[in-house]
């Protein structure tokens, strides 16, 4: 019974920073690929970032601005978002899968989502 609980979403000004957190349970944390998708109003769910061990992957839209990391002791994955833009506005979902390939293909487990709104 994998459970993922996101937190940290809020309203933030363009150019600002925000850190999202996702606490995982029901899995062996360091054996999973962990990451984030997002969905803007009227659009499909988009891969944002993922990490397994030391390997991280990012969509081009966030490279250089977002950083995904983990704290194994806390069973937590983070998404540090810097230099935020209005186009980053979306519901952000935490996800977990047994491989990075499965994560990117969105075939794993999902959290409930947390809203990030970037104003300009």
C-alpha atoms as a PDB file:
ATOM      1  CA  UNK A   1       0.000   0.000   0.000  1.00  0.00           C
ATOM      2  CA  UNK A   2       2.103   2.841  -1.333  1.00  0.00           C
ATOM      3  CA  UNK A   3       1.042   6.238  -0.015  1.00  0.00           C
ATOM      4  CA  UNK A   4       2.449   9.576  -1.127  1.00  0.00           C
ATOM      5  CA  UNK A   5       1.568  12.851   0.598  1.00  0.00           C
ATOM      6  CA  UNK A   6       2.637  16.152  -0.952  1.00  0.00           C
ATOM      7  CA  UNK A   7       2.910  19.505   0.779  1.00  0.00           C
ATOM      8  CA  UNK A   8       4.379  22.959   0.222  1.00  0.00           C
ATOM      9  CA  UNK A   9       2.279  24.329  -2.609  1.00  0.00           C
ATOM     10  CA  UNK A  10       1.207  27.951  -2.267  1.00  0.00           C
ATOM     11  CA  UNK A  11       0.913  31.306  -4.023  1.00  0.00           C
ATOM     12  CA  UNK A  12       4.306  32.775  -4.884  1.00  0.00           C
ATOM     13  CA  UNK A  13       5.536  35.767  -6.868  1.00  0.00           C
ATOM     14  CA  UNK A  14       7.348  35.278 -10.172  1.00  0.00           C
ATOM     15  CA  UNK A  15      11.077  34.998  -9.579  1.00  0.00           C
ATOM     16  CA  UNK A  16      10.560  33.509  -6.143  1.00  0.00           C
ATOM     17  CA  UNK A  17      11.351  30.082  -4.747  1.00  0.00           C
ATOM     18  CA  UNK A  18       9.372  27.234  -3.264  1.00  0.00           C
ATOM     19  CA  UNK A  19      10.146  23.742  -1.991  1.00  0.00           C
ATOM     20  CA  UNK A  20       7.645  20.930  -2.323  1.00  0.00           C
ATOM     21  CA  UNK A  21       7.858  17.837  -0.126  1.00  0.00           C
ATOM     22  CA  UNK A  22       6.479  14.334  -0.551  1.00  0.00           C
ATOM     23  CA  UNK A  23       6.490  11.799   2.277  1.00  0.00           C
ATOM     24  CA  UNK A  24       6.312   8.186   1.109  1.00  0.00           C
ATOM     25  CA  UNK A  25       5.167   5.087   2.972  1.00  0.00           C
ATOM     26  CA  UNK A  26       4.559   1.475   2.029  1.00  0.00           C
ATOM     27  CA  UNK A  27       7.700   1.147  -0.086  1.00  0.00           C
ATOM     28  CA  UNK A  28      11.430   0.592   0.191  1.00  0.00           C
ATOM     29  CA  UNK A  29      12.292   4.187  -0.475  1.00  0.00           C
ATOM     30  CA  UNK A  30      15.789   3.956  -1.944  1.00  0.00           C
ATOM     31  CA  UNK A  31      14.824   1.140  -4.329  1.00  0.00           C
ATOM     32  CA  UNK A  32      12.230   3.313  -6.081  1.00  0.00           C
ATOM     33  CA  UNK A  33      12.405   6.077  -8.613  1.00  0.00           C
ATOM     34  CA  UNK A  34      10.722   9.133  -7.111  1.00  0.00           C
ATOM     35  CA  UNK A  35       9.598  12.273  -8.836  1.00  0.00           C
ATOM     36  CA  UNK A  36       7.085  14.889  -9.835  1.00  0.00           C
ATOM     37  CA  UNK A  37       4.512  15.557 -12.520  1.00  0.00           C
ATOM     38  CA  UNK A  38       2.411  18.670 -12.935  1.00  0.00           C
ATOM     39  CA  UNK A  39      -0.881  19.543 -14.585  1.00  0.00           C
ATOM     40  CA  UNK A  40      -1.910  23.048 -15.581  1.00  0.00           C
ATOM     41  CA  UNK A  41      -5.588  23.930 -16.142  1.00  0.00           C
ATOM     42  CA  UNK A  42      -6.804  22.547 -19.461  1.00  0.00           C
ATOM     43  CA  UNK A  43      -3.585  20.645 -20.110  1.00  0.00           C
ATOM     44  CA  UNK A  44      -2.340  17.107 -19.689  1.00  0.00           C
ATOM     45  CA  UNK A  45      -0.133  15.828 -16.926  1.00  0.00           C
ATOM     46  CA  UNK A  46       3.529  16.655 -17.629  1.00  0.00           C
ATOM     47  CA  UNK A  47       6.676  15.001 -16.300  1.00  0.00           C
ATOM     48  CA  UNK A  48       8.771  17.493 -14.325  1.00  0.00           C
ATOM     49  CA  UNK A  49      11.600  15.683 -12.535  1.00  0.00           C
ATOM     50  CA  UNK A  50      12.627  12.284 -11.248  1.00  0.00           C
ATOM     51  CA  UNK A  51      15.443  10.684  -9.281  1.00  0.00           C
ATOM     52  CA  UNK A  52      16.718   7.208  -8.499  1.00  0.00           C
ATOM     53  CA  UNK A  53      19.890   6.870  -6.456  1.00  0.00           C
ATOM     54  CA  UNK A  54      22.252   9.434  -8.019  1.00  0.00           C
ATOM     55  CA  UNK A  55      20.493   9.665 -11.370  1.00  0.00           C
ATOM     56  CA  UNK A  56      18.174  12.632 -11.896  1.00  0.00           C
ATOM     57  CA  UNK A  57      16.117  13.662 -14.913  1.00  0.00           C
ATOM     58  CA  UNK A  58      14.296  16.894 -15.734  1.00  0.00           C
ATOM     59  CA  UNK A  59      12.003  18.215 -18.392  1.00  0.00           C
ATOM     60  CA  UNK A  60      13.648  20.941 -20.478  1.00  0.00           C
ATOM     61  CA  UNK A  61      11.235  23.583 -19.207  1.00  0.00           C
ATOM     62  CA  UNK A  62      12.666  23.402 -15.676  1.00  0.00           C
ATOM     63  CA  UNK A  63      16.329  22.524 -16.222  1.00  0.00           C
ATOM     64  CA  UNK A  64      18.579  24.914 -14.334  1.00  0.00           C
ATOM     65  CA  UNK A  65      15.705  26.128 -12.147  1.00  0.00           C
ATOM     66  CA  UNK A  66      14.320  23.048 -10.367  1.00  0.00           C
ATOM     67  CA  UNK A  67      16.201  20.455  -8.332  1.00  0.00           C
ATOM     68  CA  UNK A  68      14.852  17.098  -7.188  1.00  0.00           C
ATOM     69  CA  UNK A  69      16.420  15.480  -4.132  1.00  0.00           C
ATOM     70  CA  UNK A  70      15.691  12.887  -1.460  1.00  0.00           C
ATOM     71  CA  UNK A  71      16.157  12.390   2.258  1.00  0.00           C
ATOM     72  CA  UNK A  72      16.235   8.627   2.748  1.00  0.00           C
ATOM     73  CA  UNK A  73      16.021   8.828   6.540  1.00  0.00           C
ATOM     74  CA  UNK A  74      12.766  10.779   6.234  1.00  0.00           C
ATOM     75  CA  UNK A  75      11.352   8.810   3.267  1.00  0.00           C
ATOM     76  CA  UNK A  76      10.907  12.165   1.573  1.00  0.00           C
ATOM     77  CA  UNK A  77      11.452  13.509  -1.924  1.00  0.00           C
ATOM     78  CA  UNK A  78      11.739  17.257  -2.509  1.00  0.00           C
ATOM     79  CA  UNK A  79      11.326  19.557  -5.451  1.00  0.00           C
ATOM     80  CA  UNK A  80      13.240  22.800  -4.993  1.00  0.00           C
ATOM     81  CA  UNK A  81      11.826  25.374  -7.407  1.00  0.00           C
ATOM     82  CA  UNK A  82      13.776  28.572  -8.052  1.00  0.00           C
ATOM     83  CA  UNK A  83      13.221  31.454 -10.479  1.00  0.00           C
ATOM     84  CA  UNK A  84       9.561  30.553 -10.725  1.00  0.00           C
ATOM     85  CA  UNK A  85       7.569  31.667 -13.749  1.00  0.00           C
ATOM     86  CA  UNK A  86       3.806  32.075 -14.231  1.00  0.00           C
ATOM     87  CA  UNK A  87       3.888  29.109 -16.618  1.00  0.00           C
ATOM     88  CA  UNK A  88       4.967  26.925 -13.691  1.00  0.00           C
ATOM     89  CA  UNK A  89       1.468  27.331 -12.250  1.00  0.00           C
ATOM     90  CA  UNK A  90      -0.036  23.861 -11.903  1.00  0.00           C
ATOM     91  CA  UNK A  91      -1.054  21.121  -9.542  1.00  0.00           C
ATOM     92  CA  UNK A  92       2.115  19.200  -8.712  1.00  0.00           C
ATOM     93  CA  UNK A  93       1.874  15.451  -8.094  1.00  0.00           C
ATOM     94  CA  UNK A  94       4.371  13.211  -6.367  1.00  0.00           C
ATOM     95  CA  UNK A  95       4.940   9.831  -8.011  1.00  0.00           C
ATOM     96  CA  UNK A  96       6.862   6.623  -7.314  1.00  0.00           C
ATOM     97  CA  UNK A  97       7.801   3.720  -9.564  1.00  0.00           C
ATOM     98  CA  UNK A  98      10.202   0.783  -9.628  1.00  0.00           C
ATOM     99  CA  UNK A  99      12.336   2.322 -12.386  1.00  0.00           C
ATOM    100  CA  UNK A 100      12.966   5.697 -13.965  1.00  0.00           C
ATOM    101  CA  UNK A 101      11.454   4.447 -17.202  1.00  0.00           C
ATOM    102  CA  UNK A 102       8.239   3.484 -15.440  1.00  0.00           C
ATOM    103  CA  UNK A 103       8.228   6.829 -13.633  1.00  0.00           C
ATOM    104  CA  UNK A 104       8.482   8.852 -16.836  1.00  0.00           C
ATOM    105  CA  UNK A 105       5.757   6.719 -18.415  1.00  0.00           C
ATOM    106  CA  UNK A 106       3.500   7.535 -15.430  1.00  0.00           C
ATOM    107  CA  UNK A 107       2.766   3.915 -14.544  1.00  0.00           C
ATOM    108  CA  UNK A 108       3.524   4.123 -10.800  1.00  0.00           C
ATOM    109  CA  UNK A 109       1.786   5.408  -7.682  1.00  0.00           C
ATOM    110  CA  UNK A 110       0.509   8.962  -7.181  1.00  0.00           C
ATOM    111  CA  UNK A 111      -0.080  11.474  -4.437  1.00  0.00           C
ATOM    112  CA  UNK A 112      -3.098  13.756  -4.173  1.00  0.00           C
ATOM    113  CA  UNK A 113      -1.366  16.841  -5.583  1.00  0.00           C
ATOM    114  CA  UNK A 114      -0.482  20.282  -4.248  1.00  0.00           C
ATOM    115  CA  UNK A 115      -1.326  23.576  -5.946  1.00  0.00           C
ATOM    116  CA  UNK A 116       1.447  25.953  -6.992  1.00  0.00           C
ATOM    117  CA  UNK A 117       0.363  29.365  -8.258  1.00  0.00           C
ATOM    118  CA  UNK A 118       2.936  31.829  -9.584  1.00  0.00           C
ATOM    119  CA  UNK A 119       1.769  35.416  -9.945  1.00  0.00           C
ATOM    120  CA  UNK A 120       3.272  38.088 -12.191  1.00  0.00           C
END
